[in-house]
Protein backbone atom coordinates (compact mmCIF):
# COMPACT_ATOMS: atom_id res chain seq x y z
CA MET A 1 -57.59 11.96 -35.26
CA LYS A 2 -60.93 13.16 -33.96
CA LYS A 3 -60.06 12.11 -30.38
CA LEU A 4 -56.75 13.94 -30.58
CA ILE A 5 -58.40 17.19 -31.64
CA LEU A 6 -61.08 16.89 -28.95
CA GLY A 7 -58.39 16.22 -26.35
CA LEU A 8 -56.39 19.28 -27.37
CA VAL A 9 -59.50 21.48 -27.28
CA ALA A 10 -60.38 20.19 -23.81
CA LEU A 11 -56.85 20.85 -22.53
CA SER A 12 -56.90 24.39 -23.90
CA PHE A 13 -60.14 25.11 -22.01
CA LEU A 14 -58.65 23.72 -18.78
CA GLY A 15 -55.55 25.87 -19.15
CA THR A 16 -57.59 28.98 -19.80
CA GLY A 17 -59.81 28.37 -16.76
CA ALA A 18 -56.83 27.89 -14.45
CA ALA A 19 -55.16 31.07 -15.70
CA PHE A 20 -58.41 33.00 -15.25
CA ALA A 21 -58.79 31.76 -11.66
CA MET A 22 -55.21 32.61 -10.71
CA LYS A 23 -55.53 36.09 -12.21
CA HIS A 24 -58.46 36.97 -9.97
CA GLU A 25 -57.13 35.41 -6.78
CA GLY A 26 -53.95 37.49 -6.65
CA PRO A 27 -55.19 40.98 -5.66
CA ALA A 28 -57.33 39.70 -2.76
CA ALA A 29 -54.41 37.74 -1.34
CA GLU A 30 -52.16 40.80 -1.65
CA LYS A 31 -54.72 42.97 0.15
CA LEU A 32 -55.01 40.43 2.96
CA ALA A 33 -51.23 40.25 3.29
CA ALA A 34 -51.00 44.04 3.44
CA ALA A 35 -53.76 44.27 6.06
CA CYS A 36 -52.14 41.54 8.21
CA LYS A 37 -48.67 43.07 8.11
CA GLY A 38 -47.46 43.43 11.70
CA LYS A 39 -50.38 41.43 13.14
CA LYS A 40 -50.50 37.97 14.69
CA ALA A 41 -52.04 34.89 13.09
CA GLY A 42 -55.74 34.71 13.90
CA ASP A 43 -56.24 38.47 14.27
CA LYS A 44 -59.36 39.83 12.56
CA VAL A 45 -58.96 42.46 9.82
CA LYS A 46 -61.37 44.02 7.31
CA VAL A 47 -60.56 43.63 3.61
CA ASP A 48 -63.00 45.08 1.08
CA GLY A 49 -65.71 45.25 3.76
CA LYS A 50 -65.35 41.60 4.75
CA GLU A 51 -63.97 40.49 8.09
CA MET A 52 -61.14 37.99 7.60
CA THR A 53 -58.59 36.31 9.86
CA CYS A 54 -54.88 36.59 9.31
CA PRO A 55 -53.32 33.30 8.22
CA LYS A 56 -50.30 31.64 9.80
CA THR A 57 -47.00 32.70 8.33
CA ASP A 58 -44.24 30.22 7.63
CA ASP A 59 -41.03 32.05 8.39
CA LYS A 60 -38.86 28.95 8.31
CA LYS A 61 -35.54 29.69 6.64
CA LYS A 62 -33.45 26.89 5.23
């Protein structure tokens, strides 16, 4: 019983950490996407004062 409770507590902490990380990653990715709109992959843009390169886009349609 003790192992079950410890396992559930550990899983709840892992879930919370993953949700916290995803929450904070979103806005930066959206800003980069907005800055790279209309630019080629590899072009340099400034986002929040940092120089970043535009990633490749996968425009493959099925």
